[in-house]
C-alpha atoms as a PDB file:
ATOM      1  CA  MET A   1      18.158   1.178  -4.961  1.00  0.00           C
ATOM      2  CA  ALA A   2      17.423   3.295  -1.906  1.00  0.00           C
ATOM      3  CA  LYS A   3      17.408   1.280   1.311  1.00  0.00           C
ATOM      4  CA  LEU A   4      15.388   2.571   4.223  1.00  0.00           C
ATOM      5  CA  ILE A   5      16.867   2.199   7.698  1.00  0.00           C
ATOM      6  CA  PRO A   6      14.025   3.540   9.788  1.00  0.00           C
ATOM      7  CA  ALA A   7      13.409   3.975  13.439  1.00  0.00           C
ATOM      8  CA  TRP A   8       9.738   4.512  13.841  1.00  0.00           C
ATOM      9  CA  GLN A   9       8.870   7.207  11.345  1.00  0.00           C
ATOM     10  CA  PRO A  10       5.103   7.471  10.698  1.00  0.00           C
ATOM     11  CA  ILE A  11       3.496   6.578   7.385  1.00  0.00           C
ATOM     12  CA  ALA A  12      -0.124   6.602   6.183  1.00  0.00           C
ATOM     13  CA  ILE A  13      -1.912   3.921   4.208  1.00  0.00           C
ATOM     14  CA  GLY A  14      -3.441   6.131   1.507  1.00  0.00           C
ATOM     15  CA  SER A  15      -7.154   6.899   1.603  1.00  0.00           C
ATOM     16  CA  VAL A  16      -8.433   9.962   3.465  1.00  0.00           C
ATOM     17  CA  PRO A  17     -11.978  11.333   3.948  1.00  0.00           C
ATOM     18  CA  TYR A  18     -11.766  14.569   1.986  1.00  0.00           C
ATOM     19  CA  ALA A  19     -13.126  15.680  -1.351  1.00  0.00           C
ATOM     20  CA  ASP A  20     -10.613  18.481  -1.934  1.00  0.00           C
ATOM     21  CA  ALA A  21      -7.089  17.481  -2.978  1.00  0.00           C
ATOM     22  CA  GLU A  22      -5.320  20.482  -1.495  1.00  0.00           C
ATOM     23  CA  GLN A  23      -7.059  20.054   1.848  1.00  0.00           C
ATOM     24  CA  ALA A  24      -6.097  16.373   1.838  1.00  0.00           C
ATOM     25  CA  TRP A  25      -2.454  17.186   1.102  1.00  0.00           C
ATOM     26  CA  SER A  26      -2.483  19.795   3.888  1.00  0.00           C
ATOM     27  CA  VAL A  27      -3.610  17.199   6.427  1.00  0.00           C
ATOM     28  CA  VAL A  28      -1.124  14.586   5.216  1.00  0.00           C
ATOM     29  CA  LEU A  29       1.773  17.039   5.375  1.00  0.00           C
ATOM     30  CA  ARG A  30       0.732  18.215   8.836  1.00  0.00           C
ATOM     31  CA  TYR A  31       1.008  14.744  10.351  1.00  0.00           C
ATOM     32  CA  PHE A  32       3.536  13.097   8.001  1.00  0.00           C
ATOM     33  CA  PRO A  33       5.849  15.939   6.932  1.00  0.00           C
ATOM     34  CA  GLN A  34       8.912  13.736   6.388  1.00  0.00           C
ATOM     35  CA  THR A  35       7.125  10.667   5.041  1.00  0.00           C
ATOM     36  CA  PRO A  36       4.000  11.779   3.158  1.00  0.00           C
ATOM     37  CA  CYS A  37       1.917   9.700   0.806  1.00  0.00           C
ATOM     38  CA  TRP A  38      -0.270  11.059  -1.937  1.00  0.00           C
ATOM     39  CA  PRO A  39      -3.840  10.879  -0.637  1.00  0.00           C
ATOM     40  CA  GLN A  40      -6.589   8.860  -2.272  1.00  0.00           C
ATOM     41  CA  LEU A  41      -9.978  10.612  -2.149  1.00  0.00           C
ATOM     42  CA  PRO A  42     -12.790   8.035  -2.427  1.00  0.00           C
ATOM     43  CA  GLN A  43     -15.308  10.565  -1.093  1.00  0.00           C
ATOM     44  CA  ARG A  44     -14.523  12.932  -3.985  1.00  0.00           C
ATOM     45  CA  SER A  45     -15.430  10.487  -6.717  1.00  0.00           C
ATOM     46  CA  TYR A  46     -16.157   6.832  -7.363  1.00  0.00           C
ATOM     47  CA  LYS A  47     -13.183   7.006  -9.709  1.00  0.00           C
ATOM     48  CA  GLU A  48     -10.947   7.226  -6.633  1.00  0.00           C
ATOM     49  CA  ASN A  49     -12.253   3.934  -5.281  1.00  0.00           C
ATOM     50  CA  MET A  50      -9.146   1.739  -4.868  1.00  0.00           C
ATOM     51  CA  TYR A  51     -10.255  -0.610  -7.649  1.00  0.00           C
ATOM     52  CA  VAL A  52     -11.561   1.963 -10.109  1.00  0.00           C
ATOM     53  CA  GLN A  53      -8.592   4.282  -9.580  1.00  0.00           C
ATOM     54  CA  TYR A  54      -6.207   2.005 -11.464  1.00  0.00           C
ATOM     55  CA  SER A  55      -8.610   0.830 -14.149  1.00  0.00           C
ATOM     56  CA  GLU A  56      -7.811   3.309 -16.948  1.00  0.00           C
ATOM     57  CA  ARG A  57      -6.920   1.566 -20.211  1.00  0.00           C
ATOM     58  CA  PHE A  58      -7.532  -1.958 -18.966  1.00  0.00           C
ATOM     59  CA  PRO A  59      -8.943  -3.920 -21.923  1.00  0.00           C
ATOM     60  CA  GLY A  60     -12.740  -3.895 -22.003  1.00  0.00           C
ATOM     61  CA  VAL A  61     -13.204  -2.080 -18.699  1.00  0.00           C
ATOM     62  CA  VAL A  62     -16.612  -0.486 -18.136  1.00  0.00           C
ATOM     63  CA  LEU A  63     -17.568   2.022 -15.425  1.00  0.00           C
ATOM     64  CA  GLU A  64     -21.253   2.563 -14.880  1.00  0.00           C
ATOM     65  CA  GLU A  65     -23.487   3.504 -11.947  1.00  0.00           C
ATOM     66  CA  GLN A  66     -20.929   2.793  -9.225  1.00  0.00           C
ATOM     67  CA  ARG A  67     -19.949  -0.477 -10.870  1.00  0.00           C
ATOM     68  CA  ILE A  68     -16.754  -1.593 -12.528  1.00  0.00           C
ATOM     69  CA  TYR A  69     -16.516  -4.663 -14.735  1.00  0.00           C
ATOM     70  CA  VAL A  70     -14.857  -5.969 -17.897  1.00  0.00           C
ATOM     71  CA  ASP A  71     -17.181  -6.652 -20.808  1.00  0.00           C
ATOM     72  CA  ARG A  72     -15.799  -9.751 -22.487  1.00  0.00           C
ATOM     73  CA  ARG A  73     -18.396  -9.489 -25.207  1.00  0.00           C
ATOM     74  CA  GLN A  74     -16.168  -6.757 -26.639  1.00  0.00           C
ATOM     75  CA  ASP A  75     -13.141  -7.592 -28.758  1.00  0.00           C
ATOM     76  CA  LEU A  76     -10.430  -7.408 -26.096  1.00  0.00           C
ATOM     77  CA  ASP A  77      -7.559  -8.137 -28.481  1.00  0.00           C
ATOM     78  CA  PRO A  78      -6.766  -4.492 -29.420  1.00  0.00           C
ATOM     79  CA  GLY A  79      -6.635  -3.488 -25.748  1.00  0.00           C
ATOM     80  CA  LEU A  80      -4.525  -6.479 -24.810  1.00  0.00           C
ATOM     81  CA  GLU A  81      -2.162  -5.701 -27.682  1.00  0.00           C
ATOM     82  CA  ARG A  82      -1.737  -2.115 -26.453  1.00  0.00           C
ATOM     83  CA  LEU A  83      -1.047  -3.359 -22.934  1.00  0.00           C
ATOM     84  CA  TYR A  84       1.548  -5.918 -24.009  1.00  0.00           C
ATOM     85  CA  LEU A  85       3.286  -3.513 -26.381  1.00  0.00           C
ATOM     86  CA  ALA A  86       3.594  -0.979 -23.556  1.00  0.00           C
ATOM     87  CA  TYR A  87       4.816  -3.717 -21.237  1.00  0.00           C
ATOM     88  CA  LEU A  88       7.424  -5.029 -23.655  1.00  0.00           C
ATOM     89  CA  SER A  89       8.708  -1.546 -24.494  1.00  0.00           C
ATOM     90  CA  ASP A  90       8.534  -0.403 -20.844  1.00  0.00           C
ATOM     91  CA  ASP A  91       6.339   2.518 -21.905  1.00  0.00           C
ATOM     92  CA  LEU A  92       5.250   3.744 -18.479  1.00  0.00           C
ATOM     93  CA  SER A  93       2.945   6.358 -19.962  1.00  0.00           C
ATOM     94  CA  TYR A  94       0.478   3.505 -20.383  1.00  0.00           C
ATOM     95  CA  GLY A  95       0.219   3.369 -16.591  1.00  0.00           C
ATOM     96  CA  ALA A  96      -0.637   7.055 -16.135  1.00  0.00           C
ATOM     97  CA  VAL A  97      -3.363   7.825 -13.589  1.00  0.00           C
ATOM     98  CA  GLY A  98      -5.384  10.758 -14.939  1.00  0.00           C
ATOM     99  CA  PRO A  99      -6.677  13.725 -12.918  1.00  0.00           C
ATOM    100  CA  ASP A 100     -10.224  12.346 -12.883  1.00  0.00           C
ATOM    101  CA  PHE A 101      -8.879   9.279 -11.098  1.00  0.00           C
ATOM    102  CA  SER A 102      -6.474  11.021  -8.691  1.00  0.00           C
ATOM    103  CA  ALA A 103      -6.982  14.678  -7.904  1.00  0.00           C
ATOM    104  CA  ALA A 104      -4.112  14.595  -5.404  1.00  0.00           C
ATOM    105  CA  LEU A 105      -1.534  13.373  -7.914  1.00  0.00           C
ATOM    106  CA  ALA A 106      -2.786  16.005 -10.357  1.00  0.00           C
ATOM    107  CA  ALA A 107      -2.420  18.720  -7.702  1.00  0.00           C
ATOM    108  CA  LEU A 108       1.164  17.643  -7.099  1.00  0.00           C
ATOM    109  CA  GLN A 109       2.020  17.525 -10.796  1.00  0.00           C
ATOM    110  CA  ASP A 110       0.551  20.905 -11.663  1.00  0.00           C
ATOM    111  CA  GLY A 111       2.261  22.705  -8.770  1.00  0.00           C
ATOM    112  CA  ARG A 112      -0.754  23.376  -6.544  1.00  0.00           C
ATOM    113  CA  VAL A 113       0.985  21.319  -3.849  1.00  0.00           C
ATOM    114  CA  THR A 114       4.631  21.841  -2.939  1.00  0.00           C
ATOM    115  CA  PHE A 115       6.923  20.594  -0.192  1.00  0.00           C
ATOM    116  CA  SER A 116       8.664  23.119   2.066  1.00  0.00           C
ATOM    117  CA  GLN A 117      11.608  20.715   2.089  1.00  0.00           C
ATOM    118  CA  THR A 118      12.351  17.448   0.341  1.00  0.00           C
ATOM    119  CA  PRO A 119      10.737  14.612   2.327  1.00  0.00           C
ATOM    120  CA  LEU A 120      12.694  11.736   3.778  1.00  0.00           C
ATOM    121  CA  LEU A 121      10.630   9.541   1.496  1.00  0.00           C
ATOM    122  CA  LEU A 122       7.497   9.896  -0.614  1.00  0.00           C
ATOM    123  CA  LYS A 123       4.969   7.059  -0.564  1.00  0.00           C
ATOM    124  CA  GLY A 124       2.557   5.909  -3.226  1.00  0.00           C
ATOM    125  CA  GLN A 125       0.250   2.944  -3.482  1.00  0.00           C
ATOM    126  CA  VAL A 126      -1.408   0.695  -6.015  1.00  0.00           C
ATOM    127  CA  THR A 127      -4.056  -1.965  -5.515  1.00  0.00           C
ATOM    128  CA  GLY A 128      -2.458  -5.396  -5.701  1.00  0.00           C
ATOM    129  CA  PRO A 129      -3.135  -7.916  -8.463  1.00  0.00           C
ATOM    130  CA  VAL A 130      -4.875 -10.451  -6.225  1.00  0.00           C
ATOM    131  CA  SER A 131      -7.319  -7.948  -4.745  1.00  0.00           C
ATOM    132  CA  TRP A 132      -7.897  -6.151  -8.066  1.00  0.00           C
ATOM    133  CA  GLY A 133      -8.273  -9.367 -10.003  1.00  0.00           C
ATOM    134  CA  LEU A 134     -10.741 -10.865  -7.525  1.00  0.00           C
ATOM    135  CA  THR A 135     -12.818  -7.699  -7.110  1.00  0.00           C
ATOM    136  CA  VAL A 136     -13.042  -6.652 -10.757  1.00  0.00           C
ATOM    137  CA  VAL A 137     -15.249  -9.125 -12.593  1.00  0.00           C
ATOM    138  CA  ASP A 138     -16.543  -9.717 -16.103  1.00  0.00           C
ATOM    139  CA  GLN A 139     -20.121  -9.105 -17.214  1.00  0.00           C
ATOM    140  CA  ASN A 140     -21.098 -12.453 -15.703  1.00  0.00           C
ATOM    141  CA  ARG A 141     -19.519 -11.497 -12.345  1.00  0.00           C
ATOM    142  CA  ARG A 142     -16.644 -13.934 -12.741  1.00  0.00           C
ATOM    143  CA  PRO A 143     -13.422 -12.534 -11.221  1.00  0.00           C
ATOM    144  CA  LEU A 144     -10.776 -11.706 -13.803  1.00  0.00           C
ATOM    145  CA  LEU A 145      -8.137 -13.607 -11.869  1.00  0.00           C
ATOM    146  CA  TYR A 146      -9.914 -16.867 -12.691  1.00  0.00           C
ATOM    147  CA  ASP A 147      -9.078 -16.377 -16.368  1.00  0.00           C
ATOM    148  CA  GLU A 148      -5.447 -17.168 -17.195  1.00  0.00           C
ATOM    149  CA  ILE A 149      -5.110 -14.541 -19.928  1.00  0.00           C
ATOM    150  CA  LEU A 150      -6.877 -11.754 -18.051  1.00  0.00           C
ATOM    151  CA  GLY A 151      -5.143 -12.650 -14.781  1.00  0.00           C
ATOM    152  CA  ASP A 152      -1.779 -12.163 -16.460  1.00  0.00           C
ATOM    153  CA  ALA A 153      -3.045  -8.922 -18.008  1.00  0.00           C
ATOM    154  CA  VAL A 154      -4.122  -7.648 -14.570  1.00  0.00           C
ATOM    155  CA  ALA A 155      -0.621  -8.160 -13.162  1.00  0.00           C
ATOM    156  CA  LYS A 156       1.080  -6.469 -16.119  1.00  0.00           C
ATOM    157  CA  HIS A 157      -1.437  -3.606 -16.102  1.00  0.00           C
ATOM    158  CA  LEU A 158      -0.820  -2.902 -12.409  1.00  0.00           C
ATOM    159  CA  ARG A 159       2.922  -3.262 -12.929  1.00  0.00           C
ATOM    160  CA  MET A 160       2.756  -0.349 -15.370  1.00  0.00           C
ATOM    161  CA  LYS A 161       0.640   1.660 -12.926  1.00  0.00           C
ATOM    162  CA  ALA A 162       3.216   1.127 -10.180  1.00  0.00           C
ATOM    163  CA  GLY A 163       6.128   2.019 -12.459  1.00  0.00           C
ATOM    164  CA  TRP A 164       4.488   5.204 -13.744  1.00  0.00           C
ATOM    165  CA  GLN A 165       3.667   6.288 -10.216  1.00  0.00           C
ATOM    166  CA  GLN A 166       7.215   5.766  -9.015  1.00  0.00           C
ATOM    167  CA  ALA A 167       8.554   7.784 -11.959  1.00  0.00           C
ATOM    168  CA  VAL A 168       6.223  10.661 -11.097  1.00  0.00           C
ATOM    169  CA  LEU A 169       7.015  10.667  -7.375  1.00  0.00           C
ATOM    170  CA  SER A 170      10.772  10.409  -7.894  1.00  0.00           C
ATOM    171  CA  ALA A 171      10.714  13.873  -9.468  1.00  0.00           C
ATOM    172  CA  TYR A 172       9.827  15.266  -6.036  1.00  0.00           C
ATOM    173  CA  CYS A 173      11.852  12.977  -3.775  1.00  0.00           C
ATOM    174  CA  PRO A 174      14.750  10.647  -4.599  1.00  0.00           C
ATOM    175  CA  ASN A 175      13.485   8.070  -2.112  1.00  0.00           C
ATOM    176  CA  THR A 176      10.137   6.582  -3.080  1.00  0.00           C
ATOM    177  CA  LEU A 177       8.130   3.832  -1.427  1.00  0.00           C
ATOM    178  CA  ILE A 178       5.384   2.179  -3.472  1.00  0.00           C
ATOM    179  CA  PHE A 179       2.952  -0.048  -1.606  1.00  0.00           C
ATOM    180  CA  ILE A 180       0.919  -2.862  -3.097  1.00  0.00           C
ATOM    181  CA  ASP A 181      -2.353  -2.968  -1.165  1.00  0.00           C
ATOM    182  CA  GLU A 182      -3.730  -6.504  -0.888  1.00  0.00           C
ATOM    183  CA  PRO A 183      -6.774  -6.687   1.405  1.00  0.00           C
ATOM    184  CA  TYR A 184      -8.018  -9.831  -0.356  1.00  0.00           C
ATOM    185  CA  LEU A 185      -5.031 -11.849   0.847  1.00  0.00           C
ATOM    186  CA  CYS A 186      -7.045 -12.243   4.057  1.00  0.00           C
ATOM    187  CA  ALA A 187      -9.224 -14.689   2.150  1.00  0.00           C
ATOM    188  CA  TYR A 188      -6.324 -16.819   0.876  1.00  0.00           C
ATOM    189  CA  GLY A 189      -6.879 -20.461   1.736  1.00  0.00           C
ATOM    190  CA  SER A 190     -10.623 -20.094   2.185  1.00  0.00           C
ATOM    191  CA  ALA A 191     -13.264 -21.864   0.128  1.00  0.00           C
ATOM    192  CA  PHE A 192     -14.218 -18.512  -1.381  1.00  0.00           C
ATOM    193  CA  VAL A 193     -10.911 -17.866  -3.171  1.00  0.00           C
ATOM    194  CA  ALA A 194      -9.746 -20.417  -5.727  1.00  0.00           C
ATOM    195  CA  VAL A 195      -6.283 -18.973  -6.313  1.00  0.00           C
ATOM    196  CA  SER A 196      -3.117 -20.964  -5.656  1.00  0.00           C
ATOM    197  CA  ARG A 197      -0.092 -19.772  -3.750  1.00  0.00           C
ATOM    198  CA  GLU A 198       1.961 -20.121  -6.941  1.00  0.00           C
ATOM    199  CA  GLN A 199      -0.411 -17.788  -8.795  1.00  0.00           C
ATOM    200  CA  ILE A 200      -0.349 -15.209  -6.004  1.00  0.00           C
ATOM    201  CA  VAL A 201       3.442 -15.206  -5.829  1.00  0.00           C
ATOM    202  CA  ARG A 202       3.770 -14.953  -9.617  1.00  0.00           C
ATOM    203  CA  TYR A 203       1.376 -12.005  -9.860  1.00  0.00           C
ATOM    204  CA  LEU A 204       2.984 -10.175  -6.923  1.00  0.00           C
ATOM    205  CA  HIS A 205       6.461 -10.622  -8.386  1.00  0.00           C
ATOM    206  CA  GLU A 206       5.218  -9.267 -11.707  1.00  0.00           C
ATOM    207  CA  VAL A 207       3.978  -6.004 -10.187  1.00  0.00           C
ATOM    208  CA  LEU A 208       6.948  -5.586  -7.848  1.00  0.00           C
ATOM    209  CA  ALA A 209       9.439  -6.026 -10.696  1.00  0.00           C
ATOM    210  CA  GLU A 210       8.710  -2.547 -12.067  1.00  0.00           C
ATOM    211  CA  ILE A 211       9.402  -0.825  -8.730  1.00  0.00           C
ATOM    212  CA  THR A 212      13.087   0.041  -8.526  1.00  0.00           C
ATOM    213  CA  GLY A 213      12.808   2.153  -5.375  1.00  0.00           C
ATOM    214  CA  LEU A 214      11.515   0.909  -2.062  1.00  0.00           C
ATOM    215  CA  LYS A 215       8.614  -1.490  -2.371  1.00  0.00           C
ATOM    216  CA  GLY A 216       6.072  -2.523   0.230  1.00  0.00           C
ATOM    217  CA  ALA A 217       2.940  -4.605   0.678  1.00  0.00           C
ATOM    218  CA  HIS A 218      -0.044  -4.001   2.940  1.00  0.00           C
ATOM    219  CA  CYS A 219      -2.685  -6.447   4.151  1.00  0.00           C
ATOM    220  CA  CYS A 220      -5.191  -5.299   6.747  1.00  0.00           C
ATOM    221  CA  GLY A 221      -6.216  -8.699   8.112  1.00  0.00           C
ATOM    222  CA  ASN A 222      -4.931 -12.154   8.917  1.00  0.00           C
ATOM    223  CA  THR A 223      -3.149 -13.961   6.108  1.00  0.00           C
ATOM    224  CA  ASP A 224      -0.325 -16.368   5.391  1.00  0.00           C
ATOM    225  CA  TRP A 225       2.425 -13.819   6.013  1.00  0.00           C
ATOM    226  CA  SER A 226       5.065 -16.126   4.557  1.00  0.00           C
ATOM    227  CA  ILE A 227       3.719 -15.314   1.076  1.00  0.00           C
ATOM    228  CA  LEU A 228       4.491 -11.600   1.393  1.00  0.00           C
ATOM    229  CA  LEU A 229       7.667 -12.086   3.432  1.00  0.00           C
ATOM    230  CA  ASP A 230       9.126 -14.270   0.675  1.00  0.00           C
ATOM    231  CA  THR A 231       8.552 -11.632  -2.026  1.00  0.00           C
ATOM    232  CA  PRO A 232      11.212  -8.951  -2.683  1.00  0.00           C
ATOM    233  CA  ILE A 233       9.413  -6.291  -0.627  1.00  0.00           C
ATOM    234  CA  ASP A 234      11.307  -3.883   1.620  1.00  0.00           C
ATOM    235  CA  VAL A 235       8.348  -3.052   3.888  1.00  0.00           C
ATOM    236  CA  LEU A 236       5.640  -5.337   5.261  1.00  0.00           C
ATOM    237  CA  SER A 237       2.580  -3.444   6.518  1.00  0.00           C
ATOM    238  CA  LEU A 238      -0.067  -5.054   8.710  1.00  0.00           C
ATOM    239  CA  ASP A 239      -2.949  -4.235  11.026  1.00  0.00           C
ATOM    240  CA  ALA A 240      -0.970  -4.706  14.225  1.00  0.00           C
ATOM    241  CA  TYR A 241      -3.806  -3.459  16.409  1.00  0.00           C
ATOM    242  CA  ASP A 242      -5.910  -6.574  15.770  1.00  0.00           C
ATOM    243  CA  TYR A 243      -3.572  -9.034  14.040  1.00  0.00           C
ATOM    244  CA  ALA A 244      -0.037  -8.591  15.421  1.00  0.00           C
ATOM    245  CA  SER A 245      -0.219 -12.019  17.051  1.00  0.00           C
ATOM    246  CA  THR A 246      -0.611 -13.673  13.649  1.00  0.00           C
ATOM    247  CA  LEU A 247       2.808 -12.433  12.556  1.00  0.00           C
ATOM    248  CA  ALA A 248       4.388 -14.284  15.479  1.00  0.00           C
ATOM    249  CA  LEU A 249       3.322 -17.538  13.818  1.00  0.00           C
ATOM    250  CA  TYR A 250       6.073 -16.981  11.214  1.00  0.00           C
ATOM    251  CA  PRO A 251       9.250 -16.301  13.245  1.00  0.00           C
ATOM    252  CA  GLU A 252      11.657 -17.877  10.753  1.00  0.00           C
ATOM    253  CA  GLU A 253      10.240 -15.930   7.831  1.00  0.00           C
ATOM    254  CA  VAL A 254      10.234 -12.701   9.845  1.00  0.00           C
ATOM    255  CA  SER A 255      13.858 -13.272  10.866  1.00  0.00           C
ATOM    256  CA  ARG A 256      14.970 -13.837   7.270  1.00  0.00           C
ATOM    257  CA  PHE A 257      13.051 -10.748   6.182  1.00  0.00           C
ATOM    258  CA  LEU A 258      14.749  -8.596   8.822  1.00  0.00           C
ATOM    259  CA  GLU A 259      18.171 -10.095   8.095  1.00  0.00           C
ATOM    260  CA  ARG A 260      17.953  -8.917   4.494  1.00  0.00           C
ATOM    261  CA  GLY A 261      17.037  -5.408   5.652  1.00  0.00           C
ATOM    262  CA  GLY A 262      13.257  -5.682   5.615  1.00  0.00           C
ATOM    263  CA  VAL A 263      11.108  -3.278   7.610  1.00  0.00           C
ATOM    264  CA  ILE A 264       7.821  -3.865   9.437  1.00  0.00           C
ATOM    265  CA  ALA A 265       5.227  -1.094   9.317  1.00  0.00           C
ATOM    266  CA  TRP A 266       3.211  -1.706  12.453  1.00  0.00           C
ATOM    267  CA  GLY A 267      -0.397  -0.575  11.948  1.00  0.00           C
ATOM    268  CA  ILE A 268      -0.854  -0.175  15.668  1.00  0.00           C
ATOM    269  CA  VAL A 269      -3.327   2.729  15.489  1.00  0.00           C
ATOM    270  CA  PRO A 270      -6.897   1.513  14.888  1.00  0.00           C
ATOM    271  CA  ASN A 271      -8.729   3.095  11.965  1.00  0.00           C
ATOM    272  CA  THR A 272     -12.044   2.705  13.758  1.00  0.00           C
ATOM    273  CA  SER A 273     -13.944   4.432  16.544  1.00  0.00           C
ATOM    274  CA  ALA A 274     -11.600   2.627  18.947  1.00  0.00           C
ATOM    275  CA  ALA A 275      -9.101   5.411  18.223  1.00  0.00           C
ATOM    276  CA  GLU A 276     -11.264   7.858  20.164  1.00  0.00           C
ATOM    277  CA  ALA A 277     -10.529   6.129  23.470  1.00  0.00           C
ATOM    278  CA  GLU A 278      -6.911   5.113  22.802  1.00  0.00           C
ATOM    279  CA  THR A 279      -3.839   6.991  23.955  1.00  0.00           C
ATOM    280  CA  ALA A 280      -0.431   7.043  22.337  1.00  0.00           C
ATOM    281  CA  GLU A 281       1.122   5.631  25.508  1.00  0.00           C
ATOM    282  CA  ALA A 282      -1.266   2.660  25.552  1.00  0.00           C
ATOM    283  CA  LEU A 283      -0.603   1.986  21.872  1.00  0.00           C
ATOM    284  CA  VAL A 284       3.158   2.019  22.476  1.00  0.00           C
ATOM    285  CA  GLU A 285       2.665  -0.599  25.191  1.00  0.00           C
ATOM    286  CA  ARG A 286       0.550  -2.650  22.799  1.00  0.00           C
ATOM    287  CA  LEU A 287       3.253  -2.384  20.141  1.00  0.00           C
ATOM    288  CA  GLU A 288       5.985  -3.396  22.549  1.00  0.00           C
ATOM    289  CA  ARG A 289       3.971  -6.473  23.548  1.00  0.00           C
ATOM    290  CA  ALA A 290       3.696  -7.408  19.870  1.00  0.00           C
ATOM    291  CA  ILE A 291       7.460  -7.077  19.515  1.00  0.00           C
ATOM    292  CA  ASP A 292       7.994  -9.153  22.666  1.00  0.00           C
ATOM    293  CA  ALA A 293       5.867 -11.947  21.177  1.00  0.00           C
ATOM    294  CA  LEU A 294       8.221 -12.183  18.196  1.00  0.00           C
ATOM    295  CA  VAL A 295      11.312 -11.979  20.403  1.00  0.00           C
ATOM    296  CA  GLU A 296       9.984 -14.910  22.440  1.00  0.00           C
ATOM    297  CA  LYS A 297       9.912 -16.899  19.190  1.00  0.00           C
ATOM    298  CA  GLY A 298      13.584 -16.126  18.532  1.00  0.00           C
ATOM    299  CA  VAL A 299      13.355 -13.005  16.353  1.00  0.00           C
ATOM    300  CA  SER A 300      16.086 -10.426  17.017  1.00  0.00           C
ATOM    301  CA  ARG A 301      14.873  -7.623  19.282  1.00  0.00           C
ATOM    302  CA  ASP A 302      17.590  -5.309  17.960  1.00  0.00           C
ATOM    303  CA  ALA A 303      16.428  -5.843  14.376  1.00  0.00           C
ATOM    304  CA  LEU A 304      12.785  -5.313  15.291  1.00  0.00           C
ATOM    305  CA  LEU A 305      13.567  -2.076  17.111  1.00  0.00           C
ATOM    306  CA  ARG A 306      15.857  -0.865  14.341  1.00  0.00           C
ATOM    307  CA  GLN A 307      13.570  -1.752  11.428  1.00  0.00           C
ATOM    308  CA  GLY A 308      10.121  -0.459  12.284  1.00  0.00           C
ATOM    309  CA  LEU A 309       7.617   2.121  11.086  1.00  0.00           C
ATOM    310  CA  VAL A 310       4.345   3.266  12.664  1.00  0.00           C
ATOM    311  CA  SER A 311       1.088   3.492  10.726  1.00  0.00           C
ATOM    312  CA  PRO A 312      -2.671   3.318  11.023  1.00  0.00           C
ATOM    313  CA  ALA A 313      -4.096  -0.190  10.759  1.00  0.00           C
ATOM    314  CA  CYS A 314      -5.586   0.673   7.358  1.00  0.00           C
ATOM    315  CA  GLY A 315      -6.874   3.599   5.317  1.00  0.00           C
ATOM    316  CA  THR A 316      -9.201   6.280   6.677  1.00  0.00           C
ATOM    317  CA  GLY A 317     -11.214   7.102   3.570  1.00  0.00           C
ATOM    318  CA  SER A 318     -14.544   5.965   5.033  1.00  0.00           C
ATOM    319  CA  LEU A 319     -14.155   7.714   8.395  1.00  0.00           C
ATOM    320  CA  PRO A 320     -15.482  11.092   9.524  1.00  0.00           C
ATOM    321  CA  ALA A 321     -12.757  13.704   9.045  1.00  0.00           C
ATOM    322  CA  ALA A 322     -12.389  14.340  12.777  1.00  0.00           C
ATOM    323  CA  LEU A 323     -11.841  10.657  13.492  1.00  0.00           C
ATOM    324  CA  ALA A 324      -9.344  10.330  10.638  1.00  0.00           C
ATOM    325  CA  GLU A 325      -7.326  13.216  12.058  1.00  0.00           C
ATOM    326  CA  ARG A 326      -7.438  11.568  15.472  1.00  0.00           C
ATOM    327  CA  VAL A 327      -5.958   8.453  13.842  1.00  0.00           C
ATOM    328  CA  PHE A 328      -3.219  10.536  12.212  1.00  0.00           C
ATOM    329  CA  GLU A 329      -2.517  12.408  15.443  1.00  0.00           C
ATOM    330  CA  LEU A 330      -2.104   9.134  17.334  1.00  0.00           C
ATOM    331  CA  THR A 331       0.145   7.747  14.591  1.00  0.00           C
ATOM    332  CA  ALA A 332       2.415  10.791  14.791  1.00  0.00           C
ATOM    333  CA  ARG A 333       2.465  10.665  18.577  1.00  0.00           C
ATOM    334  CA  VAL A 334       3.259   6.939  18.757  1.00  0.00           C
ATOM    335  CA  SER A 335       6.019   7.558  16.229  1.00  0.00           C
ATOM    336  CA  ALA A 336       7.475  10.346  18.377  1.00  0.00           C
ATOM    337  CA  LEU A 337       7.405   8.194  21.511  1.00  0.00           C
ATOM    338  CA  MET A 338       9.049   5.244  19.764  1.00  0.00           C
ATOM    339  CA  ARG A 339      11.731   7.489  18.300  1.00  0.00           C
ATOM    340  CA  GLU A 340      12.422   8.944  21.731  1.00  0.00           C
ATOM    341  CA  ARG A 341      12.997   5.431  23.050  1.00  0.00           C
ATOM    342  CA  TYR A 342      14.681   3.733  20.122  1.00  0.00           C
ATOM    343  CA  GLY A 343      16.368   6.273  17.851  1.00  0.00           C
ATOM    344  CA  THR A 344      15.900   8.307  14.688  1.00  0.00           C
ATOM    345  CA  ALA A 345      15.435   7.427  11.042  1.00  0.00           C
ATOM    346  CA  GLU A 346      17.711   7.812   8.087  1.00  0.00           C
ATOM    347  CA  VAL A 347      17.796   6.821   4.455  1.00  0.00           C
ATOM    348  CA  LYS A 348      20.957   5.416   2.957  1.00  0.00           C
ATOM    349  CA  GLN A 349      21.757   4.678  -0.656  1.00  0.00           C
ATOM    350  CA  ALA A 350      22.852   1.146  -1.373  1.00  0.00           C
END
């Protein structure tokens, strides 16, 4: 498996505010030439919404009038059988994301987008099983994750999506990084989410198991970081602009994560109008204070400075294009400043 040893390269979260795939790729490659991700285009189509985008072939799924749900009044057995047969035979074609659901992946596959040189790494993303399973509901608006059979199907379905995506991206770059995006982990432990820690860990492990390259997880709010840090991810991504202090509550888990080679992607650039008034220099100071807070708790400064990436706090798909590009510009600039201070990045094969 490829192991990333970074020093502050920039990465994006995924969604961008464009309707044209080639324009979106052009912007991504301008600001993230060595570490691009394929861009999600929610403004192009509802089918590129982060929950709809990975819904193809899920048993009983229905898309209608900006709504996604699973109709359990249908006979779900044939669809579940197809899913489990693909899972057991490791048939990744089941997990294919079609051009209607990702124009950017289609543009890459059909040659309309090319790289002038092979990137350092190529990033993809899939919605995580907790967020997908709590957002996608049945016809009675009951989340799928609350059904044992469908909850297991959600995890296996997304596992195939992640595996297919990695196989596609690895044709263009030997070093892939697939993120599991889990915004709903912010709600873990609240009265609104009746999902146990054991369930969350089991579902996350299921999806991650199909990713043989680098694997990451992103949560854009406060959560119990020990859950993600104890999974076999290589990269932990968080909104460090608003929630860096919450990571300092888990110094032992962070230390173990870094000791095994884990990387923190610091989402230090706000994906809001706050970016208009920020400067790269001020964001570097903010990032260094976040690092200091962990060091004060006993986490190795050397490891933190050696094993870091820079990113926006979250995706930019809902922003005006000018503001999104300001976010990307700041991310690239913070990355450059951190690399000037703390080194350069490399990828090694382990």
